[in-house]
Amino acid sequence: MKVEELNQAKTPIIIFDKKLDKLNGKVLFPEKLKRVNEILAKSGLPKRK
């Protein structure tokens, strides 16, 4: 695509860094994830309308 076509495009162009593939499937912050799961178990998710 040319620069003019990219500037007029309605959808954003996103380029993913291939280095992020090594993080796929890993839990980066297990302590925070455990805490959030406990909070959600107590209060639950908001109701959808």
PDB file of N, CA and C in Angstrom:
ATOM      1  N   MET A   1       0.838  -1.181   0.000  1.00  0.00           N
ATOM      2  CA  MET A   1       0.000   0.000   0.000  1.00  0.00           C
ATOM      3  C   MET A   1       0.882   1.244   0.000  1.00  0.00           C
ATOM      4  N   LYS A   2       0.369   2.268  -0.602  1.00  0.00           N
ATOM      5  CA  LYS A   2       1.079   3.536  -0.621  1.00  0.00           C
ATOM      6  C   LYS A   2       0.733   4.335   0.629  1.00  0.00           C
ATOM      7  N   VAL A   3       1.531   5.323   0.922  1.00  0.00           N
ATOM      8  CA  VAL A   3       1.338   6.150   2.109  1.00  0.00           C
ATOM      9  C   VAL A   3      -0.022   6.845   2.071  1.00  0.00           C
ATOM     10  N   GLU A   4      -0.428   7.328   0.906  1.00  0.00           N
ATOM     11  CA  GLU A   4      -1.720   8.008   0.790  1.00  0.00           C
ATOM     12  C   GLU A   4      -2.870   7.057   1.114  1.00  0.00           C
ATOM     13  N   GLU A   5      -2.761   5.801   0.659  1.00  0.00           N
ATOM     14  CA  GLU A   5      -3.804   4.814   0.941  1.00  0.00           C
ATOM     15  C   GLU A   5      -3.850   4.485   2.427  1.00  0.00           C
ATOM     16  N   LEU A   6      -2.683   4.399   3.062  1.00  0.00           N
ATOM     17  CA  LEU A   6      -2.645   4.125   4.496  1.00  0.00           C
ATOM     18  C   LEU A   6      -3.258   5.268   5.291  1.00  0.00           C
ATOM     19  N   ASN A   7      -3.015   6.498   4.879  1.00  0.00           N
ATOM     20  CA  ASN A   7      -3.556   7.652   5.593  1.00  0.00           C
ATOM     21  C   ASN A   7      -5.067   7.736   5.468  1.00  0.00           C
ATOM     22  N   GLN A   8      -5.632   7.250   4.381  1.00  0.00           N
ATOM     23  CA  GLN A   8      -7.075   7.323   4.171  1.00  0.00           C
ATOM     24  C   GLN A   8      -7.802   6.085   4.676  1.00  0.00           C
ATOM     25  N   ALA A   9      -7.098   5.064   5.100  1.00  0.00           N
ATOM     26  CA  ALA A   9      -7.720   3.823   5.555  1.00  0.00           C
ATOM     27  C   ALA A   9      -8.497   4.068   6.844  1.00  0.00           C
ATOM     28  N   LYS A  10      -9.667   3.433   6.940  1.00  0.00           N
ATOM     29  CA  LYS A  10     -10.509   3.591   8.130  1.00  0.00           C
ATOM     30  C   LYS A  10     -10.083   2.641   9.249  1.00  0.00           C
ATOM     31  N   THR A  11      -9.432   1.545   8.911  1.00  0.00           N
ATOM     32  CA  THR A  11      -8.999   0.592   9.924  1.00  0.00           C
ATOM     33  C   THR A  11      -7.529   0.825  10.246  1.00  0.00           C
ATOM     34  N   PRO A  12      -7.155   0.683  11.507  1.00  0.00           N
ATOM     35  CA  PRO A  12      -5.757   0.891  11.872  1.00  0.00           C
ATOM     36  C   PRO A  12      -4.884  -0.256  11.363  1.00  0.00           C
ATOM     37  N   ILE A  13      -3.657   0.057  11.033  1.00  0.00           N
ATOM     38  CA  ILE A  13      -2.684  -0.931  10.604  1.00  0.00           C
ATOM     39  C   ILE A  13      -1.831  -1.280  11.819  1.00  0.00           C
ATOM     40  N   ILE A  14      -1.819  -2.562  12.199  1.00  0.00           N
ATOM     41  CA  ILE A  14      -1.090  -3.004  13.384  1.00  0.00           C
ATOM     42  C   ILE A  14      -0.046  -4.024  12.953  1.00  0.00           C
ATOM     43  N   ILE A  15       1.167  -3.821  13.414  1.00  0.00           N
ATOM     44  CA  ILE A  15       2.246  -4.768  13.153  1.00  0.00           C
ATOM     45  C   ILE A  15       2.670  -5.351  14.493  1.00  0.00           C
ATOM     46  N   PHE A  16       2.564  -6.670  14.628  1.00  0.00           N
ATOM     47  CA  PHE A  16       2.929  -7.342  15.868  1.00  0.00           C
ATOM     48  C   PHE A  16       4.403  -7.722  15.849  1.00  0.00           C
ATOM     49  N   ASP A  17       5.034  -7.548  16.986  1.00  0.00           N
ATOM     50  CA  ASP A  17       6.437  -7.915  17.133  1.00  0.00           C
ATOM     51  C   ASP A  17       6.517  -9.429  17.358  1.00  0.00           C
ATOM     52  N   LYS A  18       7.300 -10.125  16.573  1.00  0.00           N
ATOM     53  CA  LYS A  18       7.419 -11.581  16.664  1.00  0.00           C
ATOM     54  C   LYS A  18       8.047 -12.026  17.985  1.00  0.00           C
ATOM     55  N   LYS A  19       8.744 -11.127  18.674  1.00  0.00           N
ATOM     56  CA  LYS A  19       9.357 -11.466  19.958  1.00  0.00           C
ATOM     57  C   LYS A  19       8.311 -11.749  21.027  1.00  0.00           C
ATOM     58  N   LEU A  20       7.087 -11.267  20.829  1.00  0.00           N
ATOM     59  CA  LEU A  20       6.033 -11.485  21.810  1.00  0.00           C
ATOM     60  C   LEU A  20       5.520 -12.920  21.808  1.00  0.00           C
ATOM     61  N   ASP A  21       5.820 -13.688  20.766  1.00  0.00           N
ATOM     62  CA  ASP A  21       5.364 -15.075  20.696  1.00  0.00           C
ATOM     63  C   ASP A  21       5.927 -15.919  21.835  1.00  0.00           C
ATOM     64  N   LYS A  22       7.099 -15.579  22.332  1.00  0.00           N
ATOM     65  CA  LYS A  22       7.687 -16.370  23.414  1.00  0.00           C
ATOM     66  C   LYS A  22       6.899 -16.203  24.719  1.00  0.00           C
ATOM     67  N   LEU A  23       6.101 -15.155  24.845  1.00  0.00           N
ATOM     68  CA  LEU A  23       5.307 -14.918  26.051  1.00  0.00           C
ATOM     69  C   LEU A  23       3.909 -15.528  25.958  1.00  0.00           C
ATOM     70  N   ASN A  24       3.565 -16.077  24.822  1.00  0.00           N
ATOM     71  CA  ASN A  24       2.237 -16.642  24.610  1.00  0.00           C
ATOM     72  C   ASN A  24       2.012 -17.832  25.543  1.00  0.00           C
ATOM     73  N   GLY A  25       0.951 -17.793  26.328  1.00  0.00           N
ATOM     74  CA  GLY A  25       0.607 -18.888  27.221  1.00  0.00           C
ATOM     75  C   GLY A  25       1.251 -18.812  28.595  1.00  0.00           C
ATOM     76  N   LYS A  26       2.084 -17.812  28.855  1.00  0.00           N
ATOM     77  CA  LYS A  26       2.719 -17.677  30.164  1.00  0.00           C
ATOM     78  C   LYS A  26       1.929 -16.715  31.034  1.00  0.00           C
ATOM     79  N   VAL A  27       1.879 -17.014  32.327  1.00  0.00           N
ATOM     80  CA  VAL A  27       1.269 -16.097  33.291  1.00  0.00           C
ATOM     81  C   VAL A  27       2.389 -15.222  33.829  1.00  0.00           C
ATOM     82  N   LEU A  28       2.318 -13.927  33.522  1.00  0.00           N
ATOM     83  CA  LEU A  28       3.405 -13.028  33.880  1.00  0.00           C
ATOM     84  C   LEU A  28       3.344 -12.561  35.330  1.00  0.00           C
ATOM     85  N   PHE A  29       2.150 -12.412  35.869  1.00  0.00           N
ATOM     86  CA  PHE A  29       1.990 -11.917  37.237  1.00  0.00           C
ATOM     87  C   PHE A  29       1.071 -12.861  38.005  1.00  0.00           C
ATOM     88  N   PRO A  30       1.560 -14.019  38.464  1.00  0.00           N
ATOM     89  CA  PRO A  30       0.682 -15.001  39.108  1.00  0.00           C
ATOM     90  C   PRO A  30       0.064 -14.507  40.415  1.00  0.00           C
ATOM     91  N   GLU A  31       0.778 -13.678  41.171  1.00  0.00           N
ATOM     92  CA  GLU A  31       0.222 -13.180  42.436  1.00  0.00           C
ATOM     93  C   GLU A  31      -0.985 -12.284  42.172  1.00  0.00           C
ATOM     94  N   LYS A  32      -0.847 -11.397  41.197  1.00  0.00           N
ATOM     95  CA  LYS A  32      -1.944 -10.488  40.876  1.00  0.00           C
ATOM     96  C   LYS A  32      -3.122 -11.253  40.281  1.00  0.00           C
ATOM     97  N   LEU A  33      -2.851 -12.250  39.468  1.00  0.00           N
ATOM     98  CA  LEU A  33      -3.920 -13.050  38.886  1.00  0.00           C
ATOM     99  C   LEU A  33      -4.686 -13.795  39.961  1.00  0.00           C
ATOM    100  N   LYS A  34      -3.992 -14.334  40.950  1.00  0.00           N
ATOM    101  CA  LYS A  34      -4.644 -15.033  42.055  1.00  0.00           C
ATOM    102  C   LYS A  34      -5.539 -14.079  42.843  1.00  0.00           C
ATOM    103  N   ARG A  35      -5.037 -12.883  43.103  1.00  0.00           N
ATOM    104  CA  ARG A  35      -5.806 -11.892  43.868  1.00  0.00           C
ATOM    105  C   ARG A  35      -7.064 -11.460  43.111  1.00  0.00           C
ATOM    106  N   VAL A  36      -6.933 -11.231  41.823  1.00  0.00           N
ATOM    107  CA  VAL A  36      -8.080 -10.820  41.014  1.00  0.00           C
ATOM    108  C   VAL A  36      -9.123 -11.925  40.963  1.00  0.00           C
ATOM    109  N   ASN A  37      -8.689 -13.164  40.839  1.00  0.00           N
ATOM    110  CA  ASN A  37      -9.636 -14.276  40.823  1.00  0.00           C
ATOM    111  C   ASN A  37     -10.384 -14.394  42.141  1.00  0.00           C
ATOM    112  N   GLU A  38      -9.697 -14.123  43.257  1.00  0.00           N
ATOM    113  CA  GLU A  38     -10.368 -14.139  44.560  1.00  0.00           C
ATOM    114  C   GLU A  38     -11.407 -13.029  44.650  1.00  0.00           C
ATOM    115  N   ILE A  39     -11.065 -11.846  44.178  1.00  0.00           N
ATOM    116  CA  ILE A  39     -12.005 -10.720  44.216  1.00  0.00           C
ATOM    117  C   ILE A  39     -13.221 -11.012  43.344  1.00  0.00           C
ATOM    118  N   LEU A  40     -12.998 -11.561  42.164  1.00  0.00           N
ATOM    119  CA  LEU A  40     -14.118 -11.887  41.276  1.00  0.00           C
ATOM    120  C   LEU A  40     -14.988 -12.996  41.847  1.00  0.00           C
ATOM    121  N   ALA A  41     -14.404 -13.929  42.567  1.00  0.00           N
ATOM    122  CA  ALA A  41     -15.185 -15.003  43.169  1.00  0.00           C
ATOM    123  C   ALA A  41     -16.117 -14.447  44.244  1.00  0.00           C
ATOM    124  N   LYS A  42     -15.662 -13.417  44.964  1.00  0.00           N
ATOM    125  CA  LYS A  42     -16.491 -12.819  46.011  1.00  0.00           C
ATOM    126  C   LYS A  42     -17.589 -11.927  45.437  1.00  0.00           C
ATOM    127  N   SER A  43     -17.210 -11.043  44.513  1.00  0.00           N
ATOM    128  CA  SER A  43     -18.177 -10.053  44.041  1.00  0.00           C
ATOM    129  C   SER A  43     -18.869 -10.474  42.746  1.00  0.00           C
ATOM    130  N   GLY A  44     -18.221 -11.211  41.901  1.00  0.00           N
ATOM    131  CA  GLY A  44     -18.804 -11.623  40.626  1.00  0.00           C
ATOM    132  C   GLY A  44     -18.651 -10.548  39.569  1.00  0.00           C
ATOM    133  N   LEU A  45     -19.042 -10.905  38.369  1.00  0.00           N
ATOM    134  CA  LEU A  45     -18.976  -9.970  37.257  1.00  0.00           C
ATOM    135  C   LEU A  45     -20.249  -9.148  37.198  1.00  0.00           C
ATOM    136  N   PRO A  46     -20.204  -7.952  36.627  1.00  0.00           N
ATOM    137  CA  PRO A  46     -21.428  -7.154  36.493  1.00  0.00           C
ATOM    138  C   PRO A  46     -22.414  -7.813  35.532  1.00  0.00           C
ATOM    139  N   LYS A  47     -23.691  -7.570  35.769  1.00  0.00           N
ATOM    140  CA  LYS A  47     -24.752  -8.122  34.916  1.00  0.00           C
ATOM    141  C   LYS A  47     -24.779  -7.401  33.589  1.00  0.00           C
ATOM    142  N   ARG A  48     -25.015  -8.146  32.524  1.00  0.00           N
ATOM    143  CA  ARG A  48     -25.147  -7.554  31.180  1.00  0.00           C
ATOM    144  C   ARG A  48     -26.600  -7.229  30.924  1.00  0.00           C
ATOM    145  N   LYS A  49     -26.827  -6.137  30.238  1.00  0.00           N
ATOM    146  CA  LYS A  49     -28.200  -5.766  29.897  1.00  0.00           C
ATOM    147  C   LYS A  49     -28.554  -6.223  28.516  1.00  0.00           C
TER     148      LYS A  49
END
